[in-house]
Structures are given as structure tokens and as C-alpha cells.
C-alpha atoms as a PDB file:
ATOM      1  CA  MET A   1     146.003  40.356 -16.088  1.00  0.00           C
ATOM      2  CA  TYR A   2     142.498  41.769 -15.230  1.00  0.00           C
ATOM      3  CA  ARG A   3     143.976  45.341 -14.651  1.00  0.00           C
ATOM      4  CA  LEU A   4     146.074  44.962 -17.917  1.00  0.00           C
ATOM      5  CA  LEU A   5     142.950  44.122 -19.872  1.00  0.00           C
ATOM      6  CA  HIS A   6     140.991  46.848 -18.258  1.00  0.00           C
ATOM      7  CA  LEU A   7     143.638  49.339 -19.064  1.00  0.00           C
ATOM      8  CA  ILE A   8     143.686  48.138 -22.766  1.00  0.00           C
ATOM      9  CA  VAL A   9     139.900  48.472 -22.976  1.00  0.00           C
ATOM     10  CA  LEU A  10     140.090  52.104 -21.415  1.00  0.00           C
ATOM     11  CA  VAL A  11     142.825  53.281 -23.849  1.00  0.00           C
ATOM     12  CA  LEU A  12     140.794  51.823 -26.910  1.00  0.00           C
ATOM     13  CA  LEU A  13     137.644  53.405 -25.617  1.00  0.00           C
ATOM     14  CA  THR A  14     139.329  56.887 -25.032  1.00  0.00           C
ATOM     15  CA  SER A  15     140.908  56.512 -28.593  1.00  0.00           C
ATOM     16  CA  PHE A  16     137.444  55.874 -30.044  1.00  0.00           C
ATOM     17  CA  LEU A  17     135.809  58.903 -28.256  1.00  0.00           C
ATOM     18  CA  LEU A  18     138.503  61.233 -29.318  1.00  0.00           C
ATOM     19  CA  SER A  19     138.224  60.155 -32.810  1.00  0.00           C
ATOM     20  CA  ALA A  20     134.501  60.445 -33.043  1.00  0.00           C
ATOM     21  CA  GLN A  21     134.438  63.979 -33.991  1.00  0.00           C
ATOM     22  CA  GLY A  22     132.693  65.844 -36.796  1.00  0.00           C
ATOM     23  CA  TRP A  23     136.140  67.205 -38.103  1.00  0.00           C
ATOM     24  CA  PRO A  24     139.345  65.616 -38.828  1.00  0.00           C
ATOM     25  CA  ASP A  25     142.518  67.182 -37.708  1.00  0.00           C
ATOM     26  CA  GLY A  26     143.536  70.001 -39.925  1.00  0.00           C
ATOM     27  CA  ALA A  27     139.900  71.160 -40.601  1.00  0.00           C
ATOM     28  CA  ARG A  28     140.245  74.848 -41.608  1.00  0.00           C
ATOM     29  CA  TRP A  29     137.795  77.696 -41.575  1.00  0.00           C
ATOM     30  CA  ILE A  30     138.745  81.210 -42.923  1.00  0.00           C
ATOM     31  CA  TYR A  31     136.442  84.216 -42.516  1.00  0.00           C
ATOM     32  CA  VAL A  32     137.144  87.544 -44.165  1.00  0.00           C
ATOM     33  CA  GLN A  33     137.056  90.159 -41.424  1.00  0.00           C
ATOM     34  CA  ASP A  34     134.841  93.138 -41.877  1.00  0.00           C
ATOM     35  CA  ASP A  35     136.748  96.502 -42.347  1.00  0.00           C
ATOM     36  CA  PHE A  36     134.528  99.356 -42.819  1.00  0.00           C
ATOM     37  CA  ILE A  37     137.327 102.015 -43.053  1.00  0.00           C
ATOM     38  CA  PRO A  38     139.951 101.097 -45.762  1.00  0.00           C
ATOM     39  CA  ASP A  39     143.435 101.119 -44.227  1.00  0.00           C
ATOM     40  CA  GLY A  40     145.293  99.021 -46.680  1.00  0.00           C
ATOM     41  CA  ILE A  41     145.208  96.071 -44.244  1.00  0.00           C
ATOM     42  CA  ASP A  42     143.324  92.761 -45.149  1.00  0.00           C
ATOM     43  CA  GLU A  43     142.205  90.783 -42.103  1.00  0.00           C
ATOM     44  CA  TYR A  44     141.049  87.050 -41.840  1.00  0.00           C
ATOM     45  CA  ARG A  45     139.826  84.940 -38.871  1.00  0.00           C
ATOM     46  CA  GLU A  46     141.045  81.627 -38.973  1.00  0.00           C
ATOM     47  CA  PHE A  47     140.004  78.508 -37.144  1.00  0.00           C
ATOM     48  CA  LEU A  48     141.986  75.340 -37.274  1.00  0.00           C
ATOM     49  CA  LYS A  49     141.306  71.778 -35.707  1.00  0.00           C
ATOM     50  CA  THR A  50     144.531  70.985 -33.950  1.00  0.00           C
ATOM     51  CA  GLY A  51     143.373  68.004 -31.925  1.00  0.00           C
ATOM     52  CA  ASP A  52     140.995  66.251 -29.701  1.00  0.00           C
ATOM     53  CA  THR A  53     140.475  66.095 -25.870  1.00  0.00           C
ATOM     54  CA  LEU A  54     138.113  64.943 -23.442  1.00  0.00           C
ATOM     55  CA  ILE A  55     136.005  67.384 -21.096  1.00  0.00           C
ATOM     56  CA  LEU A  56     133.363  66.262 -18.512  1.00  0.00           C
ATOM     57  CA  GLY A  57     133.260  62.927 -20.278  1.00  0.00           C
ATOM     58  CA  ARG A  58     132.628  64.454 -23.723  1.00  0.00           C
ATOM     59  CA  SER A  59     134.842  64.079 -26.730  1.00  0.00           C
ATOM     60  CA  CYS A  60     135.759  67.535 -28.022  1.00  0.00           C
ATOM     61  CA  ALA A  61     137.603  69.024 -31.095  1.00  0.00           C
ATOM     62  CA  VAL A  62     140.289  71.567 -30.158  1.00  0.00           C
ATOM     63  CA  ILE A  63     139.582  74.384 -32.355  1.00  0.00           C
ATOM     64  CA  SER A  64     142.364  77.137 -32.592  1.00  0.00           C
ATOM     65  CA  GLU A  65     141.497  80.875 -33.648  1.00  0.00           C
ATOM     66  CA  SER A  66     143.986  83.125 -35.091  1.00  0.00           C
ATOM     67  CA  LEU A  67     143.800  86.592 -36.673  1.00  0.00           C
ATOM     68  CA  THR A  68     145.685  86.817 -40.118  1.00  0.00           C
ATOM     69  CA  ILE A  69     146.809  90.403 -41.067  1.00  0.00           C
ATOM     70  CA  VAL A  70     148.047  91.046 -44.732  1.00  0.00           C
ATOM     71  CA  ARG A  71     149.590  94.390 -45.317  1.00  0.00           C
ATOM     72  CA  ASP A  72     152.133  95.296 -48.187  1.00  0.00           C
ATOM     73  CA  GLY A  73     152.831  91.753 -48.908  1.00  0.00           C
ATOM     74  CA  ASP A  74     153.548  90.865 -45.209  1.00  0.00           C
ATOM     75  CA  VAL A  75     151.335  88.130 -43.716  1.00  0.00           C
ATOM     76  CA  ARG A  76     151.100  87.790 -39.859  1.00  0.00           C
ATOM     77  CA  ARG A  77     149.194  85.394 -37.807  1.00  0.00           C
ATOM     78  CA  SER A  78     148.255  86.045 -34.297  1.00  0.00           C
ATOM     79  CA  PHE A  79     146.920  83.404 -32.020  1.00  0.00           C
ATOM     80  CA  PHE A  80     143.727  84.238 -30.231  1.00  0.00           C
ATOM     81  CA  GLN A  81     142.527  81.272 -28.138  1.00  0.00           C
ATOM     82  CA  ASP A  82     141.476  77.672 -28.281  1.00  0.00           C
ATOM     83  CA  PHE A  83     137.702  76.642 -28.326  1.00  0.00           C
ATOM     84  CA  TYR A  84     136.361  73.301 -27.256  1.00  0.00           C
ATOM     85  CA  LEU A  85     133.588  71.956 -29.459  1.00  0.00           C
ATOM     86  CA  HIS A  86     131.458  68.683 -28.977  1.00  0.00           C
ATOM     87  CA  TYR A  87     129.779  67.530 -32.199  1.00  0.00           C
ATOM     88  CA  SER A  88     127.235  64.673 -31.808  1.00  0.00           C
ATOM     89  CA  ASP A  89     123.804  63.740 -33.374  1.00  0.00           C
ATOM     90  CA  ARG A  90     123.919  66.643 -35.759  1.00  0.00           C
ATOM     91  CA  LYS A  91     124.315  69.071 -32.877  1.00  0.00           C
ATOM     92  CA  ILE A  92     127.378  71.195 -31.762  1.00  0.00           C
ATOM     93  CA  ASP A  93     127.947  72.380 -28.186  1.00  0.00           C
ATOM     94  CA  VAL A  94     130.766  74.505 -27.179  1.00  0.00           C
ATOM     95  CA  TYR A  95     132.680  74.462 -23.722  1.00  0.00           C
ATOM     96  CA  ASP A  96     133.106  77.621 -21.915  1.00  0.00           C
ATOM     97  CA  PRO A  97     135.908  77.194 -19.268  1.00  0.00           C
ATOM     98  CA  SER A  98     134.592  80.333 -17.388  1.00  0.00           C
ATOM     99  CA  ASP A  99     131.660  78.398 -16.098  1.00  0.00           C
ATOM    100  CA  GLU A 100     132.814  74.914 -16.797  1.00  0.00           C
ATOM    101  CA  GLN A 101     129.562  74.108 -18.849  1.00  0.00           C
ATOM    102  CA  PHE A 102     128.711  73.111 -22.273  1.00  0.00           C
ATOM    103  CA  HIS A 103     126.512  75.483 -24.180  1.00  0.00           C
ATOM    104  CA  ASP A 104     124.316  75.093 -27.492  1.00  0.00           C
ATOM    105  CA  LEU A 105     125.771  76.380 -30.691  1.00  0.00           C
ATOM    106  CA  TYR A 106     124.292  74.719 -33.524  1.00  0.00           C
ATOM    107  CA  ASP A 107     121.490  72.226 -34.144  1.00  0.00           C
ATOM    108  CA  PHE A 108     121.083  70.899 -37.543  1.00  0.00           C
ATOM    109  CA  THR A 109     117.984  69.022 -36.883  1.00  0.00           C
ATOM    110  CA  LEU A 110     115.985  72.063 -36.509  1.00  0.00           C
ATOM    111  CA  VAL A 111     113.359  72.893 -39.413  1.00  0.00           C
ATOM    112  CA  ALA A 112     111.799  76.018 -40.642  1.00  0.00           C
ATOM    113  CA  GLY A 113     109.844  77.716 -37.784  1.00  0.00           C
ATOM    114  CA  ASP A 114     112.101  76.301 -34.992  1.00  0.00           C
ATOM    115  CA  THR A 115     114.177  78.664 -32.757  1.00  0.00           C
ATOM    116  CA  LEU A 116     117.900  78.131 -32.234  1.00  0.00           C
ATOM    117  CA  ARG A 117     119.601  79.246 -29.070  1.00  0.00           C
ATOM    118  CA  SER A 118     123.296  79.935 -29.829  1.00  0.00           C
ATOM    119  CA  TYR A 119     125.955  80.779 -27.280  1.00  0.00           C
ATOM    120  CA  CYS A 120     128.119  83.760 -27.726  1.00  0.00           C
ATOM    121  CA  MET A 121     131.693  83.140 -26.451  1.00  0.00           C
ATOM    122  CA  TYR A 122     132.861  86.660 -26.227  1.00  0.00           C
ATOM    123  CA  GLY A 123     129.615  88.100 -24.630  1.00  0.00           C
ATOM    124  CA  ARG A 124     129.014  84.931 -22.517  1.00  0.00           C
ATOM    125  CA  ASP A 125     125.351  85.272 -23.561  1.00  0.00           C
ATOM    126  CA  TYR A 126     122.818  83.597 -25.908  1.00  0.00           C
ATOM    127  CA  THR A 127     121.261  84.784 -28.969  1.00  0.00           C
ATOM    128  CA  TYR A 128     118.065  83.464 -30.488  1.00  0.00           C
ATOM    129  CA  VAL A 129     117.430  83.002 -34.130  1.00  0.00           C
ATOM    130  CA  ILE A 130     114.419  81.790 -36.113  1.00  0.00           C
ATOM    131  CA  ILE A 131     114.931  79.159 -38.709  1.00  0.00           C
ATOM    132  CA  ASP A 132     113.433  80.883 -41.766  1.00  0.00           C
ATOM    133  CA  SER A 133     113.783  77.837 -44.189  1.00  0.00           C
ATOM    134  CA  VAL A 134     116.063  74.830 -44.686  1.00  0.00           C
ATOM    135  CA  THR A 135     117.727  73.866 -47.979  1.00  0.00           C
ATOM    136  CA  SER A 136     120.399  71.539 -48.814  1.00  0.00           C
ATOM    137  CA  LEU A 137     123.935  71.583 -50.066  1.00  0.00           C
ATOM    138  CA  ILE A 138     125.407  68.576 -52.118  1.00  0.00           C
ATOM    139  CA  ILE A 139     129.211  68.136 -52.511  1.00  0.00           C
ATOM    140  CA  ASP A 140     130.886  65.025 -53.567  1.00  0.00           C
ATOM    141  CA  GLU A 141     127.207  63.235 -53.287  1.00  0.00           C
ATOM    142  CA  VAL A 142     126.946  64.045 -49.607  1.00  0.00           C
ATOM    143  CA  GLU A 143     124.005  66.187 -48.573  1.00  0.00           C
ATOM    144  CA  TYR A 144     124.554  68.971 -45.931  1.00  0.00           C
ATOM    145  CA  ALA A 145     121.512  71.059 -44.364  1.00  0.00           C
ATOM    146  CA  VAL A 146     121.578  74.863 -44.934  1.00  0.00           C
ATOM    147  CA  GLN A 147     119.562  76.767 -42.387  1.00  0.00           C
ATOM    148  CA  HIS A 148     118.544  80.226 -43.292  1.00  0.00           C
ATOM    149  CA  ILE A 149     118.079  82.314 -40.259  1.00  0.00           C
ATOM    150  CA  THR A 150     117.097  85.586 -38.748  1.00  0.00           C
ATOM    151  CA  SER A 151     117.922  87.114 -35.331  1.00  0.00           C
ATOM    152  CA  LEU A 152     114.796  87.208 -32.903  1.00  0.00           C
ATOM    153  CA  TYR A 153     116.024  89.516 -30.080  1.00  0.00           C
ATOM    154  CA  LEU A 154     118.656  91.962 -29.407  1.00  0.00           C
ATOM    155  CA  SER A 155     121.545  90.692 -27.267  1.00  0.00           C
ATOM    156  CA  SER A 156     125.169  91.432 -26.974  1.00  0.00           C
ATOM    157  CA  CYS A 157     125.652  89.075 -30.019  1.00  0.00           C
ATOM    158  CA  ASP A 158     124.090  88.563 -33.347  1.00  0.00           C
ATOM    159  CA  MET A 159     123.713  85.891 -35.882  1.00  0.00           C
ATOM    160  CA  ASN A 160     122.045  85.999 -39.301  1.00  0.00           C
ATOM    161  CA  GLY A 161     122.374  84.694 -42.773  1.00  0.00           C
ATOM    162  CA  THR A 162     122.909  80.957 -43.217  1.00  0.00           C
ATOM    163  CA  ILE A 163     124.343  78.043 -41.235  1.00  0.00           C
ATOM    164  CA  ILE A 164     125.938  75.006 -43.125  1.00  0.00           C
ATOM    165  CA  GLU A 165     125.897  71.742 -41.560  1.00  0.00           C
ATOM    166  CA  LYS A 166     129.396  70.689 -40.301  1.00  0.00           C
ATOM    167  CA  ILE A 167     130.690  74.161 -41.171  1.00  0.00           C
ATOM    168  CA  GLY A 168     128.622  76.466 -39.272  1.00  0.00           C
ATOM    169  CA  SER A 169     127.582  80.126 -39.784  1.00  0.00           C
ATOM    170  CA  ASP A 170     128.606  81.934 -43.123  1.00  0.00           C
ATOM    171  CA  LYS A 171     129.583  85.004 -40.967  1.00  0.00           C
ATOM    172  CA  TYR A 172     131.565  83.772 -38.204  1.00  0.00           C
ATOM    173  CA  LEU A 173     131.997  80.384 -36.417  1.00  0.00           C
ATOM    174  CA  PHE A 174     130.212  81.916 -33.377  1.00  0.00           C
ATOM    175  CA  PRO A 175     127.472  84.533 -32.984  1.00  0.00           C
ATOM    176  CA  ARG A 176     129.241  87.741 -33.586  1.00  0.00           C
ATOM    177  CA  PHE A 177     130.009  90.124 -30.483  1.00  0.00           C
ATOM    178  CA  GLY A 178     128.182  93.265 -31.182  1.00  0.00           C
ATOM    179  CA  ALA A 179     129.968  95.396 -28.780  1.00  0.00           C
ATOM    180  CA  ALA A 180     133.073  95.359 -30.923  1.00  0.00           C
ATOM    181  CA  ASP A 181     133.117  97.690 -34.069  1.00  0.00           C
ATOM    182  CA  PRO A 182     133.498  95.839 -36.409  1.00  0.00           C
ATOM    183  CA  ALA A 183     132.279  92.655 -34.845  1.00  0.00           C
ATOM    184  CA  PRO A 184     134.624  89.620 -35.246  1.00  0.00           C
ATOM    185  CA  GLY A 185     134.140  87.867 -38.685  1.00  0.00           C
ATOM    186  CA  GLY A 186     132.487  89.069 -41.873  1.00  0.00           C
ATOM    187  CA  PHE A 187     131.695  86.328 -44.348  1.00  0.00           C
ATOM    188  CA  LEU A 188     133.126  82.817 -44.901  1.00  0.00           C
ATOM    189  CA  ARG A 189     135.702  82.648 -47.530  1.00  0.00           C
ATOM    190  CA  CYS A 190     136.172  78.839 -47.432  1.00  0.00           C
ATOM    191  CA  TYR A 191     136.181  75.650 -45.375  1.00  0.00           C
ATOM    192  CA  ASN A 192     138.375  72.510 -45.789  1.00  0.00           C
ATOM    193  CA  ASP A 193     138.948  69.148 -44.442  1.00  0.00           C
ATOM    194  CA  ASP A 194     139.742  65.684 -45.786  1.00  0.00           C
ATOM    195  CA  GLU A 195     136.047  65.117 -46.831  1.00  0.00           C
ATOM    196  CA  LEU A 196     134.563  68.585 -47.730  1.00  0.00           C
ATOM    197  CA  ASN A 197     135.956  71.501 -49.500  1.00  0.00           C
ATOM    198  CA  TYR A 198     133.617  74.648 -49.763  1.00  0.00           C
ATOM    199  CA  PRO A 199     133.312  76.308 -52.096  1.00  0.00           C
ATOM    200  CA  GLU A 200     134.323  73.322 -54.059  1.00  0.00           C
ATOM    201  CA  ASP A 201     136.766  75.241 -56.424  1.00  0.00           C
ATOM    202  CA  MET A 202     138.354  77.275 -53.634  1.00  0.00           C
ATOM    203  CA  VAL A 203     142.003  76.564 -52.352  1.00  0.00           C
ATOM    204  CA  CYS A 204     141.379  77.102 -48.602  1.00  0.00           C
ATOM    205  CA  GLU A 205     144.603  78.775 -47.579  1.00  0.00           C
ATOM    206  CA  ILE A 206     146.174  82.369 -47.192  1.00  0.00           C
ATOM    207  CA  THR A 207     149.817  82.572 -48.897  1.00  0.00           C
ATOM    208  CA  VAL A 208     152.290  83.613 -46.359  1.00  0.00           C
ATOM    209  CA  SER A 209     154.951  86.180 -47.557  1.00  0.00           C
ATOM    210  CA  THR A 210     158.344  86.831 -46.098  1.00  0.00           C
ATOM    211  CA  SER A 211     158.902  90.179 -47.972  1.00  0.00           C
ATOM    212  CA  ASN A 212     159.651  91.918 -44.548  1.00  0.00           C
ATOM    213  CA  PRO A 213     162.574  90.042 -42.917  1.00  0.00           C
ATOM    214  CA  ASP A 214     162.928  92.718 -40.449  1.00  0.00           C
ATOM    215  CA  ALA A 215     159.428  92.211 -39.084  1.00  0.00           C
ATOM    216  CA  LEU A 216     159.119  92.150 -35.230  1.00  0.00           C
ATOM    217  CA  SER A 217     157.334  89.099 -33.885  1.00  0.00           C
ATOM    218  CA  PHE A 218     155.809  89.881 -30.493  1.00  0.00           C
ATOM    219  CA  SER A 219     153.235  88.738 -28.032  1.00  0.00           C
ATOM    220  CA  ALA A 220     150.246  90.818 -26.920  1.00  0.00           C
ATOM    221  CA  SER A 221     148.258  89.239 -24.224  1.00  0.00           C
ATOM    222  CA  PRO A 222     145.670  88.834 -22.760  1.00  0.00           C
ATOM    223  CA  ASN A 223     143.592  89.038 -25.972  1.00  0.00           C
ATOM    224  CA  PRO A 224     140.701  89.941 -25.695  1.00  0.00           C
ATOM    225  CA  VAL A 225     141.864  92.503 -23.077  1.00  0.00           C
ATOM    226  CA  LEU A 226     139.954  94.295 -20.441  1.00  0.00           C
ATOM    227  CA  ASP A 227     142.393  96.682 -18.760  1.00  0.00           C
ATOM    228  CA  GLU A 228     146.092  95.976 -19.181  1.00  0.00           C
ATOM    229  CA  LEU A 229     147.774  94.711 -22.149  1.00  0.00           C
ATOM    230  CA  VAL A 230     151.304  93.295 -21.817  1.00  0.00           C
ATOM    231  CA  VAL A 231     153.432  93.341 -24.810  1.00  0.00           C
ATOM    232  CA  SER A 232     156.596  91.177 -24.930  1.00  0.00           C
ATOM    233  CA  GLY A 233     158.852  88.807 -27.045  1.00  0.00           C
ATOM    234  CA  ALA A 234     160.724  91.322 -28.977  1.00  0.00           C
ATOM    235  CA  ARG A 235     162.962  94.264 -28.151  1.00  0.00           C
ATOM    236  CA  PHE A 236     161.096  97.594 -29.154  1.00  0.00           C
ATOM    237  CA  GLU A 237     161.486 101.163 -28.617  1.00  0.00           C
ATOM    238  CA  SER A 238     157.827 102.312 -28.790  1.00  0.00           C
ATOM    239  CA  ALA A 239     154.320 101.017 -29.203  1.00  0.00           C
ATOM    240  CA  GLU A 240     151.194 102.685 -30.387  1.00  0.00           C
ATOM    241  CA  ILE A 241     147.448 101.711 -30.252  1.00  0.00           C
ATOM    242  CA  TYR A 242     145.154 102.857 -32.947  1.00  0.00           C
ATOM    243  CA  ASP A 243     141.411 102.318 -33.429  1.00  0.00           C
ATOM    244  CA  MET A 244     139.821 101.105 -36.527  1.00  0.00           C
ATOM    245  CA  ARG A 245     139.488 104.855 -37.852  1.00  0.00           C
ATOM    246  CA  GLY A 246     143.385 104.985 -37.566  1.00  0.00           C
ATOM    247  CA  VAL A 247     143.199 107.348 -34.818  1.00  0.00           C
ATOM    248  CA  LEU A 248     146.088 107.047 -32.139  1.00  0.00           C
ATOM    249  CA  GLN A 249     144.642 106.113 -28.700  1.00  0.00           C
ATOM    250  CA  ARG A 250     147.654 105.129 -26.729  1.00  0.00           C
ATOM    251  CA  SER A 251     151.241 105.299 -27.081  1.00  0.00           C
ATOM    252  CA  ILE A 252     154.653 104.299 -25.031  1.00  0.00           C
ATOM    253  CA  ASP A 253     157.990 105.832 -25.816  1.00  0.00           C
ATOM    254  CA  LEU A 254     161.027 103.742 -24.653  1.00  0.00           C
ATOM    255  CA  LEU A 255     163.751 105.369 -26.808  1.00  0.00           C
ATOM    256  CA  GLU A 256     165.824 106.025 -23.796  1.00  0.00           C
ATOM    257  CA  SER A 257     166.155 101.992 -23.186  1.00  0.00           C
ATOM    258  CA  SER A 258     164.894  99.453 -25.513  1.00  0.00           C
ATOM    259  CA  THR A 259     163.015  96.696 -23.648  1.00  0.00           C
ATOM    260  CA  GLU A 260     161.170  93.367 -24.265  1.00  0.00           C
ATOM    261  CA  SER A 261     158.137  93.839 -22.219  1.00  0.00           C
ATOM    262  CA  ALA A 262     155.863  96.843 -21.334  1.00  0.00           C
ATOM    263  CA  THR A 263     152.250  97.222 -20.187  1.00  0.00           C
ATOM    264  CA  ILE A 264     149.877  99.303 -21.871  1.00  0.00           C
ATOM    265  CA  ASP A 265     146.633 100.754 -20.062  1.00  0.00           C
ATOM    266  CA  MET A 266     143.670  99.856 -22.138  1.00  0.00           C
ATOM    267  CA  SER A 267     141.008 101.047 -19.603  1.00  0.00           C
ATOM    268  CA  GLY A 268     138.852 103.802 -20.608  1.00  0.00           C
ATOM    269  CA  LEU A 269     138.765 102.609 -24.342  1.00  0.00           C
ATOM    270  CA  VAL A 270     135.517 101.574 -25.719  1.00  0.00           C
ATOM    271  CA  PRO A 271     135.088  97.918 -26.622  1.00  0.00           C
ATOM    272  CA  GLY A 272     136.106  97.114 -30.190  1.00  0.00           C
ATOM    273  CA  ILE A 273     138.989  96.152 -32.478  1.00  0.00           C
ATOM    274  CA  TYR A 274     142.211  98.065 -32.240  1.00  0.00           C
ATOM    275  CA  VAL A 275     145.693  97.744 -33.936  1.00  0.00           C
ATOM    276  CA  ILE A 276     148.821  97.658 -31.910  1.00  0.00           C
ATOM    277  CA  ARG A 277     151.993  98.599 -33.603  1.00  0.00           C
ATOM    278  CA  VAL A 278     155.585  98.158 -32.224  1.00  0.00           C
ATOM    279  CA  PHE A 279     158.678  99.767 -33.504  1.00  0.00           C
ATOM    280  CA  ASP A 280     162.513  99.048 -33.105  1.00  0.00           C
ATOM    281  CA  GLY A 281     164.363 101.367 -35.642  1.00  0.00           C
ATOM    282  CA  ASP A 282     163.326 100.451 -39.059  1.00  0.00           C
ATOM    283  CA  ALA A 283     161.686  97.138 -38.121  1.00  0.00           C
ATOM    284  CA  TYR A 284     157.922  96.893 -36.938  1.00  0.00           C
ATOM    285  CA  GLY A 285     155.412  94.473 -36.040  1.00  0.00           C
ATOM    286  CA  PHE A 286     151.474  94.727 -35.685  1.00  0.00           C
ATOM    287  CA  GLN A 287     148.557  92.789 -34.321  1.00  0.00           C
ATOM    288  CA  LYS A 288     144.855  93.189 -33.739  1.00  0.00           C
ATOM    289  CA  ILE A 289     143.547  93.459 -30.287  1.00  0.00           C
ATOM    290  CA  LEU A 290     139.864  92.907 -29.058  1.00  0.00           C
ATOM    291  CA  LYS A 291     139.043  95.271 -26.197  1.00  0.00           C
ATOM    292  CA  VAL A 292     136.115  94.072 -24.098  1.00  0.00           C
ATOM    293  CA  GLY A 293     134.357  95.351 -21.018  1.00  0.00           C
ATOM    294  CA  GLY A 294     133.660  98.975 -19.717  1.00  0.00           C
END
């Protein structure tokens, strides 16, 4: 009987911890990706809360990032990775599986003149910003702090602009990785959950089109990539890697025998964002790839 009661209490406590998050399931952030060279492609960084989990005794929201590419009426979503955020006492920490530690991300208790140390997941480094001023945003009679910030030191990542309580930076959910050109993110298009919609009159979604039924669906991993990129999940005859200037950097020709898997050597390419395109006859598919490292 005691064991059963203990189990019930443990289940109830776990359920409480997992539900005590700053964001309900389905919370969505959409950032417009910077694109300094017009190429006919619109890109968005989307974050979606997909669930909750416990890490080192802390309740964490599982936030999934994807890259959405819109071109000629086709909309493609490519999953990047999951992030684990702990939201408590108006502070947000991010868990980094590489060192199995929680790191500071946001602190909405800070006031003008304070310094925020924010962790960059891509650079595995901190960036430091000064809180220039704090204003407020009122939506549906609920007040949210808005911190206006400026970077203090040069680092692998950067954060400027404004930080909105519960939402985060208006440029990207994390400090932006400066080694990528352009850096992930650009500006916040919208945020939405069951309690908050920002901007208030914005429908926070990207309409999905199916105007290209012959589109190839494929996987390119790991993403971000250091040396070798494995392309799989669809039969294709060739694959090409382009930089953000539209210059061809890598290519694989497999016309002799169509295959469902291939490895592309990414070593030697400068860190940044690239487009991979795969072809099989008239069908094609494309994704964005983040190259990191040397």
C-alpha cells in the first residue's frame, strides 16, 4: 500500500513539474531568415514547443527548430534539432547536451544598467549584453517586460535589439552565431501560444503549398555539419552544394546508378549557410545546411 501511494505521489509530482513551463504545447516562434543576396528563396526559422521532459531534476520544455524554405510556391520544412529550455522565476536556462550543463539564456528580472550573460548554442560560448532600458508590453491586460540591449564584447555570437519576456530576442531565439553568413535568424515575424499572440493582429503560421507534387523529400545530416554530410531518404541522380552567393561549391554526379544515400565532403568550406539541391530527373528537393568548424 505504501509503495502504491508513493508511486501515485511521484506520478503527480512529475506531472506537476512537467506542466510547470512558461510555454504551453504548440507555442510557436517564427523568425524571418536574413538573406543578403536575392535568390528567389524565402527562409524562416521556426521554433515549436513539442513537449516537456525532466533533465537533472529540472522541468524543461522541448523546443524543436526547423528551417522553412519557400520557393516558387513550394514550402519545405527541414528539422534542425531539439533544444531544452528551463523557465523559472522569470529566467530561462538552456541545456547543452555536449557538456551536460544548464546555461543562462534570459533573465527578465534585470533592469537598466545590468549585464546579461547569454549562452550561444551554436558557438558554445557566452555573449554579454548591457540592458540599456526596460519598457513594457501589454497584451490582453497582461504586462511583459521588454529589455532593450546592446552587445558589450566581441564573441562568436551576437545579440542586439530587444528581448521580450516569454518570447525572447526579436532577432533569433538564441544569440546569433557570427561565423555563419548570414547568421541564423533575422527578425521575429510572430509568436503564438494559447495565452499570447504577438503581434496581436498577426496569424502566426506559414501556409504550406503542394504545388510541386514531384518534390524530393530527403534527409541531410548532421545539420549543423563539420566535415561529412550524409544525404539519404530519396533516390537521386545528383546533388549540388551552393553558397549564399549562388556559387556551386560541391557536386556529386550519380547518373550511372541512382542511389538513396551519398556522402558529401564539406571540409574546407568556410563556416556559413549553404543550400543543398538533389535531383532525380525533373524532380528536385533542396534544404539549407549550416557549416561549422574549420
